[in-house]
């Protein structure tokens, strides 16, 4: 779990304070944007993990090829 910065905490507090004053439409829109961004970041993390895994496999494959020659 990542810690959040003071700046991020300030943003969360401002959002929490202002959220009740939004219209239902704006609340829904805001939540949709946040959920979309969260899904995007999650996919980026998955891609990063997959790319790292592929890089490790490629390196092992290259090492095996060098020793086989």
N, C-alpha and C. Protein backbone atom coordinates (compact mmCIF):
# COMPACT_ATOMS: atom_id res chain seq x y z
N UNK A 1 0.84 -1.17 0.00
CA UNK A 1 0.00 0.00 0.00
C UNK A 1 0.89 1.24 0.00
N UNK A 2 0.64 2.13 -0.91
CA UNK A 2 1.44 3.34 -1.03
C UNK A 2 0.92 4.42 -0.09
N UNK A 3 1.84 5.17 0.47
CA UNK A 3 1.47 6.31 1.31
C UNK A 3 1.14 7.48 0.40
N UNK A 4 0.32 8.38 0.89
CA UNK A 4 -0.02 9.55 0.09
C UNK A 4 0.72 10.76 0.63
N UNK A 5 0.97 11.69 -0.27
CA UNK A 5 1.68 12.91 0.11
C UNK A 5 0.73 13.88 0.80
N UNK A 6 1.32 14.90 1.40
CA UNK A 6 0.51 15.95 2.03
C UNK A 6 -0.38 16.64 1.00
N UNK A 7 0.16 16.86 -0.19
CA UNK A 7 -0.60 17.52 -1.26
C UNK A 7 -1.81 16.66 -1.64
N UNK A 8 -1.61 15.35 -1.76
CA UNK A 8 -2.72 14.46 -2.09
C UNK A 8 -3.77 14.48 -0.98
N UNK A 9 -3.32 14.53 0.27
CA UNK A 9 -4.26 14.57 1.39
C UNK A 9 -5.07 15.87 1.36
N UNK A 10 -4.42 16.98 1.03
CA UNK A 10 -5.14 18.26 0.92
C UNK A 10 -6.22 18.17 -0.16
N UNK A 11 -5.88 17.53 -1.27
CA UNK A 11 -6.84 17.38 -2.37
C UNK A 11 -8.03 16.54 -1.91
N UNK A 12 -7.75 15.43 -1.22
CA UNK A 12 -8.83 14.56 -0.74
C UNK A 12 -9.75 15.31 0.22
N UNK A 13 -9.18 16.12 1.10
CA UNK A 13 -9.98 16.87 2.06
C UNK A 13 -10.88 17.87 1.33
N UNK A 14 -10.33 18.57 0.34
CA UNK A 14 -11.12 19.55 -0.42
C UNK A 14 -12.26 18.86 -1.18
N UNK A 15 -11.97 17.70 -1.75
CA UNK A 15 -13.01 16.95 -2.47
C UNK A 15 -14.10 16.52 -1.48
N UNK A 16 -13.68 15.98 -0.35
CA UNK A 16 -14.66 15.52 0.66
C UNK A 16 -15.54 16.66 1.15
N UNK A 17 -14.96 17.84 1.28
CA UNK A 17 -15.74 18.99 1.74
C UNK A 17 -16.71 19.48 0.68
N UNK A 18 -16.30 19.46 -0.59
CA UNK A 18 -17.12 20.00 -1.66
C UNK A 18 -18.11 19.02 -2.26
N UNK A 19 -17.85 17.73 -2.09
CA UNK A 19 -18.67 16.71 -2.74
C UNK A 19 -20.17 16.81 -2.39
N UNK A 20 -20.51 17.00 -1.14
CA UNK A 20 -21.95 17.09 -0.80
C UNK A 20 -22.68 18.23 -1.51
N UNK A 21 -21.96 19.25 -1.93
CA UNK A 21 -22.59 20.40 -2.58
C UNK A 21 -22.81 20.20 -4.07
N UNK A 22 -22.29 19.12 -4.63
CA UNK A 22 -22.46 18.86 -6.07
C UNK A 22 -23.87 18.36 -6.36
N UNK A 23 -24.31 18.60 -7.59
CA UNK A 23 -25.58 18.02 -8.03
C UNK A 23 -25.40 16.51 -8.20
N UNK A 24 -26.49 15.79 -8.24
CA UNK A 24 -26.40 14.33 -8.43
C UNK A 24 -25.70 14.00 -9.75
N UNK A 25 -25.97 14.78 -10.78
CA UNK A 25 -25.33 14.57 -12.08
C UNK A 25 -23.81 14.75 -11.94
N UNK A 26 -23.40 15.84 -11.30
CA UNK A 26 -21.97 16.10 -11.14
C UNK A 26 -21.29 15.05 -10.26
N UNK A 27 -21.98 14.58 -9.24
CA UNK A 27 -21.43 13.50 -8.41
C UNK A 27 -21.19 12.25 -9.25
N UNK A 28 -22.18 11.91 -10.06
CA UNK A 28 -22.05 10.73 -10.92
C UNK A 28 -20.92 10.89 -11.92
N UNK A 29 -20.83 12.07 -12.52
CA UNK A 29 -19.77 12.34 -13.48
C UNK A 29 -18.40 12.25 -12.81
N UNK A 30 -18.28 12.87 -11.65
CA UNK A 30 -17.02 12.86 -10.91
C UNK A 30 -16.61 11.43 -10.57
N UNK A 31 -17.55 10.66 -10.05
CA UNK A 31 -17.24 9.27 -9.69
C UNK A 31 -16.86 8.44 -10.93
N UNK A 32 -17.52 8.71 -12.05
CA UNK A 32 -17.17 8.01 -13.28
C UNK A 32 -15.75 8.32 -13.73
N UNK A 33 -15.36 9.58 -13.62
CA UNK A 33 -14.00 9.97 -14.00
C UNK A 33 -12.99 9.31 -13.07
N UNK A 34 -13.27 9.32 -11.78
CA UNK A 34 -12.35 8.72 -10.81
C UNK A 34 -12.22 7.22 -11.05
N UNK A 35 -13.34 6.54 -11.27
CA UNK A 35 -13.30 5.09 -11.51
C UNK A 35 -12.55 4.78 -12.80
N UNK A 36 -12.76 5.58 -13.82
CA UNK A 36 -12.06 5.38 -15.09
C UNK A 36 -10.56 5.54 -14.91
N UNK A 37 -10.16 6.56 -14.18
CA UNK A 37 -8.73 6.80 -13.93
C UNK A 37 -8.12 5.68 -13.11
N UNK A 38 -8.86 5.18 -12.13
CA UNK A 38 -8.37 4.08 -11.30
C UNK A 38 -8.18 2.82 -12.15
N UNK A 39 -9.12 2.54 -13.03
CA UNK A 39 -9.00 1.37 -13.91
C UNK A 39 -7.81 1.52 -14.84
N UNK A 40 -7.59 2.73 -15.35
CA UNK A 40 -6.45 2.99 -16.24
C UNK A 40 -5.14 2.75 -15.50
N UNK A 41 -5.02 3.27 -14.28
CA UNK A 41 -3.79 3.08 -13.50
C UNK A 41 -3.57 1.62 -13.15
N UNK A 42 -4.65 0.91 -12.86
CA UNK A 42 -4.54 -0.52 -12.56
C UNK A 42 -4.03 -1.28 -13.78
N UNK A 43 -4.55 -0.93 -14.96
CA UNK A 43 -4.10 -1.57 -16.18
C UNK A 43 -2.64 -1.26 -16.46
N UNK A 44 -2.20 -0.04 -16.16
CA UNK A 44 -0.80 0.33 -16.34
C UNK A 44 0.09 -0.54 -15.45
N UNK A 45 -0.33 -0.77 -14.21
CA UNK A 45 0.44 -1.61 -13.29
C UNK A 45 0.51 -3.05 -13.80
N UNK A 46 -0.60 -3.56 -14.32
CA UNK A 46 -0.62 -4.91 -14.86
C UNK A 46 0.34 -4.99 -16.05
N UNK A 47 0.28 -4.01 -16.94
CA UNK A 47 1.15 -4.00 -18.10
C UNK A 47 2.62 -3.95 -17.69
N UNK A 48 2.92 -3.15 -16.67
CA UNK A 48 4.29 -3.02 -16.17
C UNK A 48 4.77 -4.37 -15.63
N UNK A 49 3.91 -5.05 -14.88
CA UNK A 49 4.27 -6.36 -14.34
C UNK A 49 4.50 -7.37 -15.46
N UNK A 50 3.64 -7.35 -16.46
CA UNK A 50 3.77 -8.29 -17.58
C UNK A 50 5.05 -8.01 -18.36
N UNK A 51 5.33 -6.74 -18.62
CA UNK A 51 6.54 -6.37 -19.35
C UNK A 51 7.78 -6.80 -18.58
N UNK A 52 7.77 -6.64 -17.27
CA UNK A 52 8.89 -7.08 -16.45
C UNK A 52 9.07 -8.59 -16.51
N UNK A 53 7.97 -9.30 -16.47
CA UNK A 53 8.00 -10.76 -16.54
C UNK A 53 8.56 -11.21 -17.90
N UNK A 54 8.12 -10.56 -18.97
CA UNK A 54 8.59 -10.89 -20.32
C UNK A 54 10.08 -10.61 -20.43
N UNK A 55 10.53 -9.48 -19.89
CA UNK A 55 11.95 -9.11 -19.95
C UNK A 55 12.81 -10.16 -19.24
N UNK A 56 12.34 -10.66 -18.11
CA UNK A 56 13.08 -11.68 -17.37
C UNK A 56 13.16 -12.96 -18.19
N UNK A 57 12.04 -13.36 -18.80
CA UNK A 57 12.04 -14.57 -19.62
C UNK A 57 12.96 -14.43 -20.82
N UNK A 58 12.96 -13.24 -21.48
CA UNK A 58 13.82 -13.02 -22.63
C UNK A 58 15.28 -13.09 -22.22
N UNK A 59 15.62 -12.53 -21.08
CA UNK A 59 17.00 -12.56 -20.60
C UNK A 59 17.44 -14.00 -20.33
N UNK A 60 16.58 -14.77 -19.68
CA UNK A 60 16.90 -16.18 -19.42
C UNK A 60 17.08 -16.94 -20.72
N UNK A 61 16.23 -16.65 -21.70
CA UNK A 61 16.32 -17.31 -23.00
C UNK A 61 17.65 -16.97 -23.69
N UNK A 62 18.03 -15.70 -23.64
CA UNK A 62 19.31 -15.27 -24.23
C UNK A 62 20.48 -15.95 -23.54
N UNK A 63 20.43 -16.06 -22.22
CA UNK A 63 21.50 -16.71 -21.47
C UNK A 63 21.62 -18.19 -21.85
N UNK A 64 20.47 -18.84 -22.01
CA UNK A 64 20.50 -20.26 -22.41
C UNK A 64 21.10 -20.41 -23.81
N UNK A 65 20.75 -19.50 -24.70
CA UNK A 65 21.28 -19.57 -26.05
C UNK A 65 22.79 -19.36 -26.07
N UNK A 66 23.31 -18.48 -25.23
CA UNK A 66 24.75 -18.22 -25.17
C UNK A 66 25.49 -19.44 -24.66
N UNK A 67 24.94 -20.11 -23.66
CA UNK A 67 25.61 -21.29 -23.10
C UNK A 67 25.50 -22.47 -24.02
N UNK A 68 24.47 -22.51 -24.87
CA UNK A 68 24.29 -23.64 -25.79
C UNK A 68 25.23 -23.55 -26.97
N UNK A 69 25.76 -22.39 -27.25
CA UNK A 69 26.64 -22.20 -28.41
C UNK A 69 28.05 -22.58 -28.10
